[in-house]
């Protein structure tokens, strides 16, 4: 029975792991409430096809947490027109609203979970993003922003 409980804790984030045991390569910063950041997500590889498709071409959402290598974002849907943004290998263009001009991030979905509607989220999807590309200028601004969160944290 203990094995099942440990499995469920690790699977659903209720773990007794300390920060030293954390498996992530980069520290993660929670962005709830005053640190919640606006994101606009579009598909990098099919933008011309989206213009002719039905439905939105950009999904607006917010961050749940961010790190140097990835981020968790909450979006109202996983579909842009006829395209599912969580399909393996699909590159997303994420415009992240940090102080000053937004930074452009390219990334791929590594995980997604449908959220239950509650007062905090209102439902939608939690999407784990692995960052695959940023311009040097945007990466420097993003890293400076992460350092500012670490100082406040």
N, C-alpha and C. Protein backbone atom coordinates (compact mmCIF):
# COMPACT_ATOMS: atom_id res chain seq x y z
N UNK A 1 0.82 -1.19 0.00
CA UNK A 1 0.00 0.00 0.00
C UNK A 1 0.87 1.27 0.00
N UNK A 2 1.98 1.25 0.74
CA UNK A 2 2.87 2.39 0.80
C UNK A 2 3.44 2.72 -0.58
N UNK A 3 3.75 1.69 -1.36
CA UNK A 3 4.26 1.90 -2.71
C UNK A 3 3.27 2.65 -3.57
N UNK A 4 1.99 2.31 -3.47
CA UNK A 4 0.94 2.99 -4.24
C UNK A 4 0.83 4.45 -3.82
N UNK A 5 0.89 4.70 -2.53
CA UNK A 5 0.80 6.08 -2.04
C UNK A 5 2.00 6.89 -2.52
N UNK A 6 3.20 6.33 -2.44
CA UNK A 6 4.39 7.03 -2.93
C UNK A 6 4.28 7.31 -4.42
N UNK A 7 3.76 6.33 -5.19
CA UNK A 7 3.59 6.52 -6.63
C UNK A 7 2.62 7.68 -6.90
N UNK A 8 1.48 7.68 -6.19
CA UNK A 8 0.48 8.73 -6.41
C UNK A 8 1.03 10.10 -6.00
N UNK A 9 1.79 10.16 -4.91
CA UNK A 9 2.39 11.43 -4.50
C UNK A 9 3.34 11.94 -5.57
N UNK A 10 4.17 11.05 -6.11
CA UNK A 10 5.13 11.49 -7.12
C UNK A 10 4.43 11.86 -8.41
N UNK A 11 3.37 11.17 -8.75
CA UNK A 11 2.65 11.41 -10.01
C UNK A 11 1.87 12.72 -9.97
N UNK A 12 1.33 13.05 -8.81
CA UNK A 12 0.46 14.22 -8.72
C UNK A 12 1.05 15.36 -7.91
N UNK A 13 2.35 15.35 -7.72
CA UNK A 13 3.05 16.49 -7.14
C UNK A 13 3.01 16.59 -5.63
N UNK A 14 2.46 15.64 -4.93
CA UNK A 14 2.43 15.67 -3.47
C UNK A 14 3.62 14.87 -2.96
N UNK A 15 4.78 15.40 -3.15
CA UNK A 15 6.00 14.68 -2.83
C UNK A 15 6.67 15.27 -1.60
N UNK A 16 7.40 14.42 -0.89
CA UNK A 16 8.17 14.86 0.26
C UNK A 16 9.59 15.23 -0.13
N UNK A 17 9.88 15.34 -1.43
CA UNK A 17 11.23 15.64 -1.89
C UNK A 17 11.64 17.04 -1.47
N UNK A 18 12.89 17.17 -1.08
CA UNK A 18 13.43 18.49 -0.76
C UNK A 18 13.93 19.11 -2.06
N UNK A 19 14.31 20.37 -2.00
CA UNK A 19 14.82 21.06 -3.19
C UNK A 19 16.07 20.37 -3.72
N UNK A 20 16.88 19.80 -2.81
CA UNK A 20 18.10 19.12 -3.24
C UNK A 20 17.81 17.86 -4.05
N UNK A 21 16.64 17.24 -3.81
CA UNK A 21 16.28 16.03 -4.52
C UNK A 21 15.51 16.31 -5.80
N UNK A 22 15.16 17.57 -6.04
CA UNK A 22 14.39 17.95 -7.22
C UNK A 22 15.11 17.53 -8.48
N UNK A 23 14.37 16.96 -9.44
CA UNK A 23 14.99 16.45 -10.66
C UNK A 23 15.12 17.50 -11.75
N UNK A 24 14.51 18.65 -11.60
CA UNK A 24 14.59 19.68 -12.63
C UNK A 24 16.00 20.25 -12.70
N UNK A 25 16.43 20.57 -13.91
CA UNK A 25 17.78 21.10 -14.12
C UNK A 25 17.87 22.58 -13.78
N UNK A 26 16.76 23.29 -13.78
CA UNK A 26 16.76 24.73 -13.49
C UNK A 26 15.70 25.02 -12.44
N UNK A 27 15.97 25.98 -11.54
CA UNK A 27 14.96 26.32 -10.52
C UNK A 27 13.69 26.83 -11.17
N UNK A 28 12.57 26.51 -10.56
CA UNK A 28 11.26 26.92 -11.06
C UNK A 28 10.69 27.96 -10.12
N UNK A 29 10.09 29.02 -10.68
CA UNK A 29 9.52 30.09 -9.89
C UNK A 29 8.01 30.14 -10.11
N UNK A 30 7.25 30.12 -9.03
CA UNK A 30 5.81 30.22 -9.11
C UNK A 30 5.44 31.64 -9.49
N UNK A 31 4.45 31.79 -10.37
CA UNK A 31 4.07 33.13 -10.83
C UNK A 31 2.61 33.43 -10.52
N UNK A 32 2.09 32.88 -9.42
CA UNK A 32 0.70 33.16 -9.03
C UNK A 32 0.53 34.62 -8.63
N UNK A 33 -0.68 35.07 -8.65
CA UNK A 33 -1.09 36.38 -8.18
C UNK A 33 -0.26 37.51 -8.75
N UNK A 34 0.53 38.23 -7.94
CA UNK A 34 1.20 39.42 -8.44
C UNK A 34 2.27 39.10 -9.47
N UNK A 35 2.72 37.85 -9.55
CA UNK A 35 3.77 37.50 -10.51
C UNK A 35 3.20 36.77 -11.73
N UNK A 36 1.91 36.63 -11.80
CA UNK A 36 1.30 35.95 -12.94
C UNK A 36 1.57 36.76 -14.21
N UNK A 37 2.05 36.09 -15.24
CA UNK A 37 2.44 36.77 -16.47
C UNK A 37 1.52 36.37 -17.61
N UNK A 38 1.18 37.32 -18.44
CA UNK A 38 0.32 37.08 -19.59
C UNK A 38 1.13 36.41 -20.70
N UNK A 39 0.52 35.41 -21.35
CA UNK A 39 1.14 34.77 -22.51
C UNK A 39 0.14 34.77 -23.66
N UNK A 40 0.67 34.92 -24.86
CA UNK A 40 -0.09 34.73 -26.09
C UNK A 40 0.62 33.63 -26.86
N UNK A 41 -0.12 32.59 -27.21
CA UNK A 41 0.46 31.41 -27.84
C UNK A 41 -0.10 31.24 -29.24
N UNK A 42 0.79 31.03 -30.19
CA UNK A 42 0.39 30.72 -31.56
C UNK A 42 1.27 29.58 -32.06
N UNK A 43 0.91 29.02 -33.20
CA UNK A 43 1.68 27.93 -33.78
C UNK A 43 2.70 28.49 -34.75
N UNK A 44 3.95 28.19 -34.52
CA UNK A 44 5.02 28.71 -35.37
C UNK A 44 5.02 28.06 -36.74
N UNK A 45 4.71 26.77 -36.80
CA UNK A 45 4.89 26.02 -38.04
C UNK A 45 3.68 25.98 -38.97
N UNK A 46 2.54 26.56 -38.56
CA UNK A 46 1.36 26.48 -39.43
C UNK A 46 0.59 27.79 -39.51
N UNK A 47 1.25 28.93 -39.29
CA UNK A 47 0.54 30.21 -39.25
C UNK A 47 -0.23 30.52 -40.53
N UNK A 48 0.32 30.21 -41.69
CA UNK A 48 -0.40 30.52 -42.93
C UNK A 48 -1.67 29.68 -43.06
N UNK A 49 -1.61 28.44 -42.63
CA UNK A 49 -2.80 27.58 -42.67
C UNK A 49 -3.85 28.06 -41.69
N UNK A 50 -3.42 28.63 -40.55
CA UNK A 50 -4.36 29.12 -39.55
C UNK A 50 -5.19 30.28 -40.07
N UNK A 51 -4.60 31.11 -40.91
CA UNK A 51 -5.35 32.25 -41.44
C UNK A 51 -6.62 31.82 -42.14
N UNK A 52 -6.59 30.66 -42.78
CA UNK A 52 -7.76 30.17 -43.50
C UNK A 52 -8.64 29.28 -42.62
N UNK A 53 -8.15 28.88 -41.45
CA UNK A 53 -8.90 27.97 -40.58
C UNK A 53 -9.92 28.74 -39.76
N UNK A 54 -10.89 27.99 -39.26
CA UNK A 54 -11.88 28.59 -38.36
C UNK A 54 -11.34 28.63 -36.95
N UNK A 55 -11.77 29.62 -36.20
CA UNK A 55 -11.37 29.72 -34.81
C UNK A 55 -10.22 30.69 -34.62
N UNK A 56 -9.78 30.81 -33.36
CA UNK A 56 -8.73 31.80 -33.05
C UNK A 56 -7.38 31.39 -33.63
N UNK A 57 -6.52 32.38 -33.84
CA UNK A 57 -5.15 32.11 -34.29
C UNK A 57 -4.15 32.33 -33.17
N UNK A 58 -4.62 32.86 -32.04
CA UNK A 58 -3.78 33.08 -30.86
C UNK A 58 -4.61 32.70 -29.63
N UNK A 59 -3.97 32.00 -28.69
CA UNK A 59 -4.60 31.70 -27.41
C UNK A 59 -3.97 32.58 -26.34
N UNK A 60 -4.79 33.26 -25.56
CA UNK A 60 -4.30 34.09 -24.47
C UNK A 60 -4.44 33.32 -23.17
N UNK A 61 -3.40 33.38 -22.34
CA UNK A 61 -3.43 32.70 -21.06
C UNK A 61 -2.47 33.36 -20.09
N UNK A 62 -2.02 32.58 -19.11
CA UNK A 62 -1.11 33.11 -18.11
C UNK A 62 -0.17 32.01 -17.62
N UNK A 63 0.92 32.44 -17.01
CA UNK A 63 1.89 31.48 -16.49
C UNK A 63 1.46 30.97 -15.13
N UNK A 64 1.83 29.75 -14.86
CA UNK A 64 1.69 29.21 -13.50
C UNK A 64 3.07 29.17 -12.84
N UNK A 65 4.08 28.79 -13.60
CA UNK A 65 5.46 28.83 -13.12
C UNK A 65 6.38 28.94 -14.32
N UNK A 66 7.60 29.43 -14.06
CA UNK A 66 8.58 29.60 -15.13
C UNK A 66 9.96 29.20 -14.63
N UNK A 67 10.80 28.78 -15.55
CA UNK A 67 12.19 28.47 -15.23
C UNK A 67 13.03 28.80 -16.46
N UNK A 68 14.33 28.65 -16.32
CA UNK A 68 15.23 28.94 -17.43
C UNK A 68 14.98 28.01 -18.62
N UNK A 69 14.51 26.80 -18.35
CA UNK A 69 14.36 25.80 -19.41
C UNK A 69 12.91 25.54 -19.85
N UNK A 70 11.94 26.09 -19.11
CA UNK A 70 10.56 25.82 -19.46
C UNK A 70 9.59 26.62 -18.64
N UNK A 71 8.31 26.32 -18.82
CA UNK A 71 7.27 27.03 -18.10
C UNK A 71 5.99 26.23 -18.09
N UNK A 72 5.17 26.49 -17.11
CA UNK A 72 3.82 25.95 -17.05
C UNK A 72 2.87 27.09 -17.36
N UNK A 73 2.02 26.91 -18.35
CA UNK A 73 1.07 27.96 -18.71
C UNK A 73 -0.34 27.39 -18.67
N UNK A 74 -1.30 28.26 -18.39
CA UNK A 74 -2.71 27.88 -18.38
C UNK A 74 -3.38 28.57 -19.56
N UNK A 75 -4.00 27.76 -20.41
CA UNK A 75 -4.72 28.26 -21.59
C UNK A 75 -6.16 27.76 -21.55
N UNK A 76 -7.08 28.48 -22.18
CA UNK A 76 -8.48 28.06 -22.17
C UNK A 76 -8.75 26.84 -23.04
N UNK A 77 -7.88 26.56 -24.00
CA UNK A 77 -8.11 25.45 -24.94
C UNK A 77 -6.75 24.96 -25.44
N UNK A 78 -6.74 23.80 -26.10
CA UNK A 78 -5.52 23.28 -26.71
C UNK A 78 -5.62 23.31 -28.23
N UNK A 79 -6.67 23.93 -28.74
CA UNK A 79 -6.87 23.98 -30.18
C UNK A 79 -6.81 25.41 -30.70
N UNK A 80 -6.08 25.57 -31.80
CA UNK A 80 -6.06 26.81 -32.57
C UNK A 80 -6.60 26.46 -33.94
N UNK A 81 -7.78 26.94 -34.25
CA UNK A 81 -8.40 26.52 -35.50
C UNK A 81 -8.60 25.01 -35.47
N UNK A 82 -8.09 24.33 -36.49
CA UNK A 82 -8.18 22.87 -36.55
C UNK A 82 -6.95 22.17 -36.00
N UNK A 83 -6.03 22.91 -35.39
CA UNK A 83 -4.75 22.35 -34.96
C UNK A 83 -4.69 22.22 -33.44
N UNK A 84 -4.21 21.06 -32.99
CA UNK A 84 -3.99 20.81 -31.57
C UNK A 84 -2.57 21.24 -31.22
N UNK A 85 -2.42 22.19 -30.31
CA UNK A 85 -1.09 22.71 -29.99
C UNK A 85 -0.24 21.73 -29.20
N UNK A 86 -0.85 20.68 -28.66
CA UNK A 86 -0.10 19.72 -27.84
C UNK A 86 0.45 18.55 -28.65
N UNK A 87 0.23 18.56 -29.95
CA UNK A 87 0.74 17.46 -30.79
C UNK A 87 2.27 17.39 -30.71
N UNK A 88 2.83 16.19 -30.54
CA UNK A 88 4.29 16.07 -30.44
C UNK A 88 5.01 16.70 -31.64
N UNK A 89 6.08 17.39 -31.35
CA UNK A 89 6.88 18.01 -32.40
C UNK A 89 6.38 19.36 -32.88
N UNK A 90 5.25 19.80 -32.40
CA UNK A 90 4.69 21.08 -32.83
C UNK A 90 5.36 22.22 -32.07
N UNK A 91 5.89 23.20 -32.80
CA UNK A 91 6.58 24.33 -32.18
C UNK A 91 5.60 25.47 -31.93
N UNK A 92 5.61 25.97 -30.70
CA UNK A 92 4.74 27.07 -30.31
C UNK A 92 5.55 28.37 -30.25
N UNK A 93 4.90 29.44 -30.61
CA UNK A 93 5.47 30.79 -30.46
C UNK A 93 4.76 31.41 -29.28
N UNK A 94 5.51 31.70 -28.22
CA UNK A 94 4.94 32.22 -26.99
C UNK A 94 5.46 33.64 -26.79
N UNK A 95 4.55 34.58 -26.68
CA UNK A 95 4.90 35.96 -26.36
C UNK A 95 4.62 36.12 -24.87
N UNK A 96 5.69 36.29 -24.09
CA UNK A 96 5.59 36.34 -22.64
C UNK A 96 5.69 37.79 -22.18
N UNK A 97 4.68 38.24 -21.45
CA UNK A 97 4.62 39.62 -20.98
C UNK A 97 5.40 39.81 -19.69
N UNK A 98 6.66 40.18 -19.84
CA UNK A 98 7.46 40.56 -18.68
C UNK A 98 7.57 42.09 -18.71
N UNK A 99 8.06 42.72 -17.64
CA UNK A 99 8.19 44.19 -17.68
C UNK A 99 9.00 44.64 -18.90
N UNK A 100 8.52 45.68 -19.55
CA UNK A 100 9.12 46.13 -20.81
C UNK A 100 8.45 45.39 -21.96
N UNK A 101 9.08 45.36 -23.11
CA UNK A 101 8.49 44.63 -24.25
C UNK A 101 8.41 43.13 -23.97
N UNK A 102 7.42 42.44 -24.54
CA UNK A 102 7.34 40.99 -24.33
C UNK A 102 8.53 40.27 -24.98
N UNK A 103 8.84 39.09 -24.46
CA UNK A 103 9.89 38.27 -25.06
C UNK A 103 9.24 37.17 -25.89
N UNK A 104 9.88 36.85 -27.01
CA UNK A 104 9.38 35.78 -27.88
C UNK A 104 10.14 34.51 -27.56
N UNK A 105 9.38 33.47 -27.25
CA UNK A 105 9.94 32.17 -26.88
C UNK A 105 9.36 31.13 -27.81
N UNK A 106 10.21 30.24 -28.32
CA UNK A 106 9.73 29.08 -29.07
C UNK A 106 9.86 27.88 -28.16
N UNK A 107 8.85 27.04 -28.16
CA UNK A 107 8.88 25.87 -27.28
C UNK A 107 7.97 24.78 -27.77
N UNK A 108 8.10 23.62 -27.15
CA UNK A 108 7.25 22.48 -27.46
C UNK A 108 6.54 22.01 -26.20
N UNK A 109 5.38 21.43 -26.39
CA UNK A 109 4.61 20.89 -25.27
C UNK A 109 5.24 19.59 -24.81
N UNK A 110 5.46 19.48 -23.49
CA UNK A 110 5.98 18.23 -22.94
C UNK A 110 4.93 17.53 -22.09
N UNK A 111 3.88 18.27 -21.72
CA UNK A 111 2.84 17.69 -20.87
C UNK A 111 1.63 18.61 -20.93
N UNK A 112 0.45 18.02 -20.83
CA UNK A 112 -0.75 18.85 -20.69
C UNK A 112 -1.79 18.11 -19.86
N UNK A 113 -2.53 18.88 -19.07
CA UNK A 113 -3.54 18.34 -18.17
C UNK A 113 -4.76 19.24 -18.21
N UNK A 114 -5.93 18.64 -18.33
CA UNK A 114 -7.17 19.43 -18.26
C UNK A 114 -7.41 19.80 -16.81
N UNK A 115 -7.67 21.08 -16.56
CA UNK A 115 -7.91 21.57 -15.21
C UNK A 115 -9.41 21.59 -14.91
N UNK A 116 -9.74 21.27 -13.70
CA UNK A 116 -11.12 21.39 -13.24
C UNK A 116 -11.41 22.87 -13.02
N UNK A 117 -12.62 23.27 -13.32
CA UNK A 117 -13.00 24.67 -13.10
C UNK A 117 -13.07 24.94 -11.60
N UNK A 118 -12.39 25.99 -11.16
CA UNK A 118 -12.48 26.45 -9.77
C UNK A 118 -12.32 27.97 -9.77
N UNK A 119 -12.33 28.55 -8.58
CA UNK A 119 -12.24 30.00 -8.48
C UNK A 119 -10.92 30.54 -9.01
N UNK A 120 -9.83 29.77 -8.83
CA UNK A 120 -8.50 30.27 -9.23
C UNK A 120 -8.29 30.19 -10.74
N UNK A 121 -8.58 29.05 -11.34
CA UNK A 121 -8.24 28.86 -12.75
C UNK A 121 -9.41 29.05 -13.70
N UNK A 122 -10.60 28.74 -13.27
CA UNK A 122 -11.74 28.81 -14.18
C UNK A 122 -11.72 27.69 -15.20
N UNK A 123 -10.85 26.70 -15.02
CA UNK A 123 -10.76 25.57 -15.96
C UNK A 123 -9.65 25.81 -16.96
N UNK A 124 -9.75 25.13 -18.08
CA UNK A 124 -8.74 25.25 -19.12
C UNK A 124 -7.75 24.11 -19.05
N UNK A 125 -6.53 24.37 -19.51
CA UNK A 125 -5.49 23.35 -19.59
C UNK A 125 -4.18 23.89 -19.03
N UNK A 126 -3.52 23.08 -18.23
CA UNK A 126 -2.17 23.38 -17.78
C UNK A 126 -1.23 22.70 -18.77
N UNK A 127 -0.35 23.48 -19.38
CA UNK A 127 0.54 22.97 -20.42
C UNK A 127 1.98 23.21 -20.01
N UNK A 128 2.75 22.13 -19.99
CA UNK A 128 4.17 22.23 -19.69
C UNK A 128 4.93 22.47 -20.99
N UNK A 129 5.73 23.51 -21.00
CA UNK A 129 6.46 23.91 -22.21
C UNK A 129 7.96 23.78 -21.98
N UNK A 130 8.64 23.15 -22.92
CA UNK A 130 10.11 23.14 -22.91
C UNK A 130 10.57 24.21 -23.89
N UNK A 131 11.41 25.11 -23.41
CA UNK A 131 11.91 26.19 -24.27
C UNK A 131 12.93 25.60 -25.24
N UNK A 132 12.74 25.88 -26.53
CA UNK A 132 13.66 25.36 -27.55
C UNK A 132 14.49 26.46 -28.21
N UNK A 133 13.98 27.70 -28.20
CA UNK A 133 14.72 28.79 -28.86
C UNK A 133 14.26 30.14 -28.34
N UNK A 134 15.23 31.05 -28.22
CA UNK A 134 14.98 32.47 -27.95
C UNK A 134 16.12 33.24 -28.59
N UNK A 135 15.83 34.44 -29.06
CA UNK A 135 16.93 35.28 -29.54
C UNK A 135 17.84 35.60 -28.36
N UNK A 136 19.05 35.98 -28.64
CA UNK A 136 20.00 36.30 -27.56
C UNK A 136 19.48 37.45 -26.71
N UNK A 137 18.92 38.46 -27.36
CA UNK A 137 18.39 39.62 -26.64
C UNK A 137 17.24 39.21 -25.71
N UNK A 138 16.30 38.41 -26.24
CA UNK A 138 15.17 37.96 -25.42
C UNK A 138 15.64 37.04 -24.29
N UNK A 139 16.60 36.16 -24.57
CA UNK A 139 17.10 35.26 -23.53
C UNK A 139 17.74 36.06 -22.39
N UNK A 140 18.52 37.09 -22.73
CA UNK A 140 19.14 37.91 -21.70
C UNK A 140 18.09 38.61 -20.84
N UNK A 141 17.06 39.16 -21.47
CA UNK A 141 15.98 39.82 -20.72
C UNK A 141 15.23 38.82 -19.84
N UNK A 142 14.97 37.64 -20.40
CA UNK A 142 14.26 36.59 -19.66
C UNK A 142 15.08 36.14 -18.44
N UNK A 143 16.37 35.92 -18.64
CA UNK A 143 17.23 35.50 -17.52
C UNK A 143 17.33 36.59 -16.46
N UNK A 144 17.41 37.85 -16.88
CA UNK A 144 17.42 38.96 -15.91
C UNK A 144 16.12 38.97 -15.11
N UNK A 145 15.00 38.71 -15.78
CA UNK A 145 13.71 38.66 -15.09
C UNK A 145 13.69 37.51 -14.08
N UNK A 146 14.19 36.34 -14.46
CA UNK A 146 14.24 35.20 -13.53
C UNK A 146 15.10 35.53 -12.31
N UNK A 147 16.22 36.21 -12.54
CA UNK A 147 17.09 36.61 -11.41
C UNK A 147 16.35 37.56 -10.47
N UNK A 148 15.53 38.45 -11.03
CA UNK A 148 14.77 39.36 -10.18
C UNK A 148 13.75 38.60 -9.34
N UNK A 149 13.17 37.52 -9.88
CA UNK A 149 12.23 36.70 -9.11
C UNK A 149 12.96 35.96 -7.99
N UNK A 150 14.16 35.51 -8.29
CA UNK A 150 14.94 34.78 -7.29
C UNK A 150 15.28 35.69 -6.11
N UNK A 151 15.58 36.95 -6.39
CA UNK A 151 15.89 37.91 -5.33
C UNK A 151 14.66 38.19 -4.46
N UNK A 152 13.47 38.25 -5.11
CA UNK A 152 12.23 38.52 -4.38
C UNK A 152 11.76 37.30 -3.61
N UNK A 153 12.04 36.08 -4.18
CA UNK A 153 11.53 34.82 -3.66
C UNK A 153 11.95 34.54 -2.29
